């Protein structure tokens, strides 16, 4: 019998609060919940899982706090199911959304879909959104769209990545230049190895909102 995760219940209560600090606390707490679902450790009831997913999707789409939206996108990025990408895609596609949220959504799409997850229509929508994001004026969006394109094996985007690898010197906060990430993806597609430019933990760093 699957047992309810009491920690997740508390997180959902925080996420429903009128206090943005409490909502942020709730979204952060659901990262671990999403991870445990992914690795199938102590699986909670499906109804609780669905409730947590719906709460994060709603927070990403509607919460007035930038930090909460970033945190919701980060938690959904750890939800290694294709439906997480369906929640993340509208945030990436919304050009009026903050760059920090869109960048986190792009990274999460790369994590949740990978090279072979999701229905063909979902993967095609993701490739289109990433292709558009490569032309964003915001460095966080371009960088994480490059990263996600690499994970999706969206090789039809290779010409855009090649152009970025030649000229995009902008540095993504907490990471490195877009042109270096683009070159790494192209090398990964060609030779099968992805350049390690950071400590092992760096690729699991949340996209930070501006202070």
C-alpha atoms as a PDB file:
ATOM      1  CA  UNK A   1       0.000   0.000   0.000  1.00  0.00           C
ATOM      2  CA  UNK A   2       1.296   3.449  -0.918  1.00  0.00           C
ATOM      3  CA  UNK A   3       1.584   5.830   2.013  1.00  0.00           C
ATOM      4  CA  UNK A   4       0.966   9.564   1.871  1.00  0.00           C
ATOM      5  CA  UNK A   5       4.018  11.775   2.060  1.00  0.00           C
ATOM      6  CA  UNK A   6       3.328  14.087   5.004  1.00  0.00           C
ATOM      7  CA  UNK A   7       6.135  16.387   3.980  1.00  0.00           C
ATOM      8  CA  UNK A   8       4.479  16.893   0.613  1.00  0.00           C
ATOM      9  CA  UNK A   9       1.189  17.710   2.346  1.00  0.00           C
ATOM     10  CA  UNK A  10       2.969  20.384   4.361  1.00  0.00           C
ATOM     11  CA  UNK A  11       4.640  21.724   1.226  1.00  0.00           C
ATOM     12  CA  UNK A  12       1.295  21.972  -0.542  1.00  0.00           C
ATOM     13  CA  UNK A  13      -0.149  23.864   2.417  1.00  0.00           C
ATOM     14  CA  UNK A  14       2.757  26.322   2.204  1.00  0.00           C
ATOM     15  CA  UNK A  15       2.260  26.668  -1.543  1.00  0.00           C
ATOM     16  CA  UNK A  16      -1.364  27.669  -0.969  1.00  0.00           C
ATOM     17  CA  UNK A  17      -0.403  30.445   1.478  1.00  0.00           C
ATOM     18  CA  UNK A  18      -1.000  34.145   0.815  1.00  0.00           C
ATOM     19  CA  UNK A  19       2.582  34.804   1.965  1.00  0.00           C
ATOM     20  CA  UNK A  20       5.067  34.599  -0.940  1.00  0.00           C
ATOM     21  CA  UNK A  21       7.844  33.464   1.411  1.00  0.00           C
ATOM     22  CA  UNK A  22       5.686  30.529   2.476  1.00  0.00           C
ATOM     23  CA  UNK A  23       4.836  29.697  -1.144  1.00  0.00           C
ATOM     24  CA  UNK A  24       8.530  29.742  -1.990  1.00  0.00           C
ATOM     25  CA  UNK A  25       9.187  27.389   0.918  1.00  0.00           C
ATOM     26  CA  UNK A  26       6.495  25.038  -0.386  1.00  0.00           C
ATOM     27  CA  UNK A  27       7.823  24.997  -3.949  1.00  0.00           C
ATOM     28  CA  UNK A  28      11.356  24.349  -2.704  1.00  0.00           C
ATOM     29  CA  UNK A  29      10.148  21.450  -0.542  1.00  0.00           C
ATOM     30  CA  UNK A  30       8.533  19.780  -3.550  1.00  0.00           C
ATOM     31  CA  UNK A  31      11.883  19.441  -5.328  1.00  0.00           C
ATOM     32  CA  UNK A  32      12.801  16.498  -3.097  1.00  0.00           C
ATOM     33  CA  UNK A  33       9.313  15.052  -3.544  1.00  0.00           C
ATOM     34  CA  UNK A  34       9.709  15.176  -7.330  1.00  0.00           C
ATOM     35  CA  UNK A  35      13.134  13.552  -7.111  1.00  0.00           C
ATOM     36  CA  UNK A  36      11.830  10.666  -5.000  1.00  0.00           C
ATOM     37  CA  UNK A  37       9.022  10.066  -7.468  1.00  0.00           C
ATOM     38  CA  UNK A  38      11.585   9.911 -10.252  1.00  0.00           C
ATOM     39  CA  UNK A  39      13.804   7.369  -8.501  1.00  0.00           C
ATOM     40  CA  UNK A  40      10.743   5.489  -7.180  1.00  0.00           C
ATOM     41  CA  UNK A  41      11.680   5.638  -3.533  1.00  0.00           C
ATOM     42  CA  UNK A  42       8.672   5.406  -1.204  1.00  0.00           C
ATOM     43  CA  UNK A  43       6.098   6.045  -3.902  1.00  0.00           C
ATOM     44  CA  UNK A  44       3.138   8.086  -2.564  1.00  0.00           C
ATOM     45  CA  UNK A  45      -0.450   7.655  -3.794  1.00  0.00           C
ATOM     46  CA  UNK A  46      -1.104   8.756  -7.370  1.00  0.00           C
ATOM     47  CA  UNK A  47      -3.688  11.280  -6.181  1.00  0.00           C
ATOM     48  CA  UNK A  48      -1.098  13.058  -4.034  1.00  0.00           C
ATOM     49  CA  UNK A  49       1.416  13.059  -6.872  1.00  0.00           C
ATOM     50  CA  UNK A  50      -1.159  14.567  -9.223  1.00  0.00           C
ATOM     51  CA  UNK A  51      -2.108  17.197  -6.668  1.00  0.00           C
ATOM     52  CA  UNK A  52       1.513  18.260  -6.219  1.00  0.00           C
ATOM     53  CA  UNK A  53       2.040  18.413  -9.975  1.00  0.00           C
ATOM     54  CA  UNK A  54      -1.095  20.528 -10.454  1.00  0.00           C
ATOM     55  CA  UNK A  55      -0.059  22.911  -7.666  1.00  0.00           C
ATOM     56  CA  UNK A  56       3.381  23.453  -9.190  1.00  0.00           C
ATOM     57  CA  UNK A  57       1.937  23.911 -12.660  1.00  0.00           C
ATOM     58  CA  UNK A  58      -0.475  26.515 -11.330  1.00  0.00           C
ATOM     59  CA  UNK A  59       2.266  28.316  -9.406  1.00  0.00           C
ATOM     60  CA  UNK A  60       4.462  28.477 -12.490  1.00  0.00           C
ATOM     61  CA  UNK A  61       1.641  29.859 -14.600  1.00  0.00           C
ATOM     62  CA  UNK A  62       0.029  32.273 -12.159  1.00  0.00           C
ATOM     63  CA  UNK A  63       2.041  33.117  -9.047  1.00  0.00           C
ATOM     64  CA  UNK A  64       2.741  36.868  -8.808  1.00  0.00           C
ATOM     65  CA  UNK A  65       6.153  36.243  -7.207  1.00  0.00           C
ATOM     66  CA  UNK A  66       9.073  35.835  -9.604  1.00  0.00           C
ATOM     67  CA  UNK A  67      10.991  33.744  -7.067  1.00  0.00           C
ATOM     68  CA  UNK A  68       8.049  31.372  -6.612  1.00  0.00           C
ATOM     69  CA  UNK A  69       7.669  30.931 -10.379  1.00  0.00           C
ATOM     70  CA  UNK A  70      11.369  30.124 -10.714  1.00  0.00           C
ATOM     71  CA  UNK A  71      11.121  27.683  -7.803  1.00  0.00           C
ATOM     72  CA  UNK A  72       8.060  26.012  -9.334  1.00  0.00           C
ATOM     73  CA  UNK A  73       9.879  25.626 -12.652  1.00  0.00           C
ATOM     74  CA  UNK A  74      12.873  24.193 -10.819  1.00  0.00           C
ATOM     75  CA  UNK A  75      10.724  21.651  -8.995  1.00  0.00           C
ATOM     76  CA  UNK A  76       8.995  20.644 -12.229  1.00  0.00           C
ATOM     77  CA  UNK A  77      12.435  20.264 -13.824  1.00  0.00           C
ATOM     78  CA  UNK A  78      13.036  17.386 -11.390  1.00  0.00           C
ATOM     79  CA  UNK A  79       9.748  15.752 -12.383  1.00  0.00           C
ATOM     80  CA  UNK A  80      11.185  13.366 -14.934  1.00  0.00           C
ATOM     81  CA  UNK A  81       7.925  12.701 -16.703  1.00  0.00           C
ATOM     82  CA  UNK A  82       6.881  14.120 -20.060  1.00  0.00           C
ATOM     83  CA  UNK A  83       3.919  15.921 -18.516  1.00  0.00           C
ATOM     84  CA  UNK A  84       6.353  18.189 -16.674  1.00  0.00           C
ATOM     85  CA  UNK A  85       7.466  19.503 -20.047  1.00  0.00           C
ATOM     86  CA  UNK A  86       3.841  20.328 -20.842  1.00  0.00           C
ATOM     87  CA  UNK A  87       3.797  22.544 -17.761  1.00  0.00           C
ATOM     88  CA  UNK A  88       7.170  24.132 -18.544  1.00  0.00           C
ATOM     89  CA  UNK A  89       6.604  24.870 -22.223  1.00  0.00           C
ATOM     90  CA  UNK A  90       4.081  27.715 -21.799  1.00  0.00           C
ATOM     91  CA  UNK A  91       6.549  29.536 -19.551  1.00  0.00           C
ATOM     92  CA  UNK A  92       9.306  29.248 -22.147  1.00  0.00           C
ATOM     93  CA  UNK A  93       6.979  30.280 -24.957  1.00  0.00           C
ATOM     94  CA  UNK A  94       5.725  33.364 -23.096  1.00  0.00           C
ATOM     95  CA  UNK A  95       7.977  36.219 -24.212  1.00  0.00           C
ATOM     96  CA  UNK A  96       6.527  38.456 -21.485  1.00  0.00           C
ATOM     97  CA  UNK A  97       7.696  36.071 -18.773  1.00  0.00           C
ATOM     98  CA  UNK A  98      10.894  36.915 -16.872  1.00  0.00           C
ATOM     99  CA  UNK A  99      14.105  35.582 -18.394  1.00  0.00           C
ATOM    100  CA  UNK A 100      14.960  33.703 -15.185  1.00  0.00           C
ATOM    101  CA  UNK A 101      11.706  31.759 -15.385  1.00  0.00           C
ATOM    102  CA  UNK A 102      12.051  31.078 -19.110  1.00  0.00           C
ATOM    103  CA  UNK A 103      15.640  29.942 -18.665  1.00  0.00           C
ATOM    104  CA  UNK A 104      14.692  27.552 -15.873  1.00  0.00           C
ATOM    105  CA  UNK A 105      11.817  26.234 -17.974  1.00  0.00           C
ATOM    106  CA  UNK A 106      14.169  25.587 -20.900  1.00  0.00           C
ATOM    107  CA  UNK A 107      16.627  23.723 -18.684  1.00  0.00           C
ATOM    108  CA  UNK A 108      13.773  21.673 -17.264  1.00  0.00           C
ATOM    109  CA  UNK A 109      12.492  20.764 -20.717  1.00  0.00           C
ATOM    110  CA  UNK A 110      15.916  19.340 -21.486  1.00  0.00           C
ATOM    111  CA  UNK A 111      15.885  17.313 -18.268  1.00  0.00           C
ATOM    112  CA  UNK A 112      12.310  16.047 -18.501  1.00  0.00           C
ATOM    113  CA  UNK A 113      12.214  15.109 -22.185  1.00  0.00           C
ATOM    114  CA  UNK A 114      15.799  14.077 -22.823  1.00  0.00           C
ATOM    115  CA  UNK A 115      16.581  12.333 -26.090  1.00  0.00           C
ATOM    116  CA  UNK A 116      13.618   9.984 -26.187  1.00  0.00           C
ATOM    117  CA  UNK A 117      10.838  10.963 -23.735  1.00  0.00           C
ATOM    118  CA  UNK A 118       7.443  12.345 -24.724  1.00  0.00           C
ATOM    119  CA  UNK A 119       5.027  12.003 -27.613  1.00  0.00           C
ATOM    120  CA  UNK A 120       6.100  13.257 -31.066  1.00  0.00           C
ATOM    121  CA  UNK A 121       3.806  16.300 -30.902  1.00  0.00           C
ATOM    122  CA  UNK A 122       5.227  17.331 -27.544  1.00  0.00           C
ATOM    123  CA  UNK A 123       8.809  16.938 -28.713  1.00  0.00           C
ATOM    124  CA  UNK A 124       8.079  18.934 -31.858  1.00  0.00           C
ATOM    125  CA  UNK A 125       6.534  21.735 -29.808  1.00  0.00           C
ATOM    126  CA  UNK A 126       9.589  21.707 -27.545  1.00  0.00           C
ATOM    127  CA  UNK A 127      11.966  21.941 -30.496  1.00  0.00           C
ATOM    128  CA  UNK A 128      10.047  24.897 -31.911  1.00  0.00           C
ATOM    129  CA  UNK A 129      10.066  26.684 -28.543  1.00  0.00           C
ATOM    130  CA  UNK A 130      13.782  26.064 -28.089  1.00  0.00           C
ATOM    131  CA  UNK A 131      14.504  27.277 -31.607  1.00  0.00           C
ATOM    132  CA  UNK A 132      12.659  30.514 -30.892  1.00  0.00           C
ATOM    133  CA  UNK A 133      14.432  30.837 -27.553  1.00  0.00           C
ATOM    134  CA  UNK A 134      17.818  30.692 -29.270  1.00  0.00           C
ATOM    135  CA  UNK A 135      16.958  34.089 -30.760  1.00  0.00           C
ATOM    136  CA  UNK A 136      15.931  35.667 -27.441  1.00  0.00           C
ATOM    137  CA  UNK A 137      17.596  38.939 -26.430  1.00  0.00           C
ATOM    138  CA  UNK A 138      18.084  37.454 -22.948  1.00  0.00           C
ATOM    139  CA  UNK A 139      21.265  35.485 -22.354  1.00  0.00           C
ATOM    140  CA  UNK A 140      19.673  33.149 -19.757  1.00  0.00           C
ATOM    141  CA  UNK A 141      17.071  32.087 -22.290  1.00  0.00           C
ATOM    142  CA  UNK A 142      19.557  31.528 -25.124  1.00  0.00           C
ATOM    143  CA  UNK A 143      21.995  29.614 -22.920  1.00  0.00           C
ATOM    144  CA  UNK A 144      19.448  27.198 -21.467  1.00  0.00           C
ATOM    145  CA  UNK A 145      17.758  26.693 -24.831  1.00  0.00           C
ATOM    146  CA  UNK A 146      21.160  25.640 -26.193  1.00  0.00           C
ATOM    147  CA  UNK A 147      21.552  23.241 -23.272  1.00  0.00           C
ATOM    148  CA  UNK A 148      18.077  21.773 -23.732  1.00  0.00           C
ATOM    149  CA  UNK A 149      18.491  21.448 -27.493  1.00  0.00           C
ATOM    150  CA  UNK A 150      21.542  19.313 -26.790  1.00  0.00           C
ATOM    151  CA  UNK A 151      19.614  16.990 -24.504  1.00  0.00           C
ATOM    152  CA  UNK A 152      16.704  16.697 -26.939  1.00  0.00           C
ATOM    153  CA  UNK A 153      19.080  15.884 -29.797  1.00  0.00           C
ATOM    154  CA  UNK A 154      17.325  18.646 -31.752  1.00  0.00           C
ATOM    155  CA  UNK A 155      19.903  18.527 -34.521  1.00  0.00           C
ATOM    156  CA  UNK A 156      17.747  20.560 -36.894  1.00  0.00           C
ATOM    157  CA  UNK A 157      18.812  23.495 -34.704  1.00  0.00           C
ATOM    158  CA  UNK A 158      22.503  22.894 -35.504  1.00  0.00           C
ATOM    159  CA  UNK A 159      22.769  25.900 -37.881  1.00  0.00           C
ATOM    160  CA  UNK A 160      21.496  28.243 -35.163  1.00  0.00           C
ATOM    161  CA  UNK A 161      23.848  26.695 -32.621  1.00  0.00           C
ATOM    162  CA  UNK A 162      26.767  27.044 -35.034  1.00  0.00           C
ATOM    163  CA  UNK A 163      25.986  30.745 -35.441  1.00  0.00           C
ATOM    164  CA  UNK A 164      25.854  31.212 -31.671  1.00  0.00           C
ATOM    165  CA  UNK A 165      29.123  29.290 -31.273  1.00  0.00           C
ATOM    166  CA  UNK A 166      30.789  31.804 -33.574  1.00  0.00           C
ATOM    167  CA  UNK A 167      29.553  35.082 -32.150  1.00  0.00           C
ATOM    168  CA  UNK A 168      27.618  34.918 -28.857  1.00  0.00           C
ATOM    169  CA  UNK A 169      30.086  36.109 -26.215  1.00  0.00           C
ATOM    170  CA  UNK A 170      27.404  36.851 -23.606  1.00  0.00           C
ATOM    171  CA  UNK A 171      27.960  35.023 -20.313  1.00  0.00           C
ATOM    172  CA  UNK A 172      25.016  33.376 -18.574  1.00  0.00           C
ATOM    173  CA  UNK A 173      24.903  34.183 -14.834  1.00  0.00           C
ATOM    174  CA  UNK A 174      26.630  31.472 -12.769  1.00  0.00           C
ATOM    175  CA  UNK A 175      27.643  29.616 -15.943  1.00  0.00           C
ATOM    176  CA  UNK A 176      29.759  30.569 -18.996  1.00  0.00           C
ATOM    177  CA  UNK A 177      29.435  32.058 -22.484  1.00  0.00           C
ATOM    178  CA  UNK A 178      26.608  31.028 -24.772  1.00  0.00           C
ATOM    179  CA  UNK A 179      29.113  30.387 -27.566  1.00  0.00           C
ATOM    180  CA  UNK A 180      30.966  27.864 -25.389  1.00  0.00           C
ATOM    181  CA  UNK A 181      27.778  26.002 -24.515  1.00  0.00           C
ATOM    182  CA  UNK A 182      26.772  25.933 -28.189  1.00  0.00           C
ATOM    183  CA  UNK A 183      30.201  24.590 -29.157  1.00  0.00           C
ATOM    184  CA  UNK A 184      29.899  21.941 -26.450  1.00  0.00           C
ATOM    185  CA  UNK A 185      26.524  20.777 -27.770  1.00  0.00           C
ATOM    186  CA  UNK A 186      27.780  20.572 -31.345  1.00  0.00           C
ATOM    187  CA  UNK A 187      30.796  18.586 -30.151  1.00  0.00           C
ATOM    188  CA  UNK A 188      28.511  16.318 -28.143  1.00  0.00           C
ATOM    189  CA  UNK A 189      26.399  15.578 -31.195  1.00  0.00           C
ATOM    190  CA  UNK A 190      29.465  14.971 -33.331  1.00  0.00           C
ATOM    191  CA  UNK A 191      31.711  13.004 -30.983  1.00  0.00           C
ATOM    192  CA  UNK A 192      29.458  11.885 -28.130  1.00  0.00           C
ATOM    193  CA  UNK A 193      31.231  13.765 -25.330  1.00  0.00           C
ATOM    194  CA  UNK A 194      29.941  16.863 -23.529  1.00  0.00           C
ATOM    195  CA  UNK A 195      32.660  19.230 -22.264  1.00  0.00           C
ATOM    196  CA  UNK A 196      32.686  19.462 -18.465  1.00  0.00           C
ATOM    197  CA  UNK A 197      33.243  23.132 -17.664  1.00  0.00           C
ATOM    198  CA  UNK A 198      32.163  23.085 -14.028  1.00  0.00           C
ATOM    199  CA  UNK A 199      32.013  21.060 -10.818  1.00  0.00           C
ATOM    200  CA  UNK A 200      29.650  18.083 -10.928  1.00  0.00           C
ATOM    201  CA  UNK A 201      26.964  20.027  -9.098  1.00  0.00           C
ATOM    202  CA  UNK A 202      26.931  23.031 -11.426  1.00  0.00           C
ATOM    203  CA  UNK A 203      24.419  21.670 -13.939  1.00  0.00           C
ATOM    204  CA  UNK A 204      21.898  21.270 -11.125  1.00  0.00           C
ATOM    205  CA  UNK A 205      22.044  24.955 -10.194  1.00  0.00           C
ATOM    206  CA  UNK A 206      18.745  26.811 -10.273  1.00  0.00           C
ATOM    207  CA  UNK A 207      18.480  29.688 -12.702  1.00  0.00           C
ATOM    208  CA  UNK A 208      18.632  32.735 -10.444  1.00  0.00           C
ATOM    209  CA  UNK A 209      16.228  35.674 -10.663  1.00  0.00           C
ATOM    210  CA  UNK A 210      17.905  39.073 -10.799  1.00  0.00           C
ATOM    211  CA  UNK A 211      18.490  40.656  -7.391  1.00  0.00           C
END
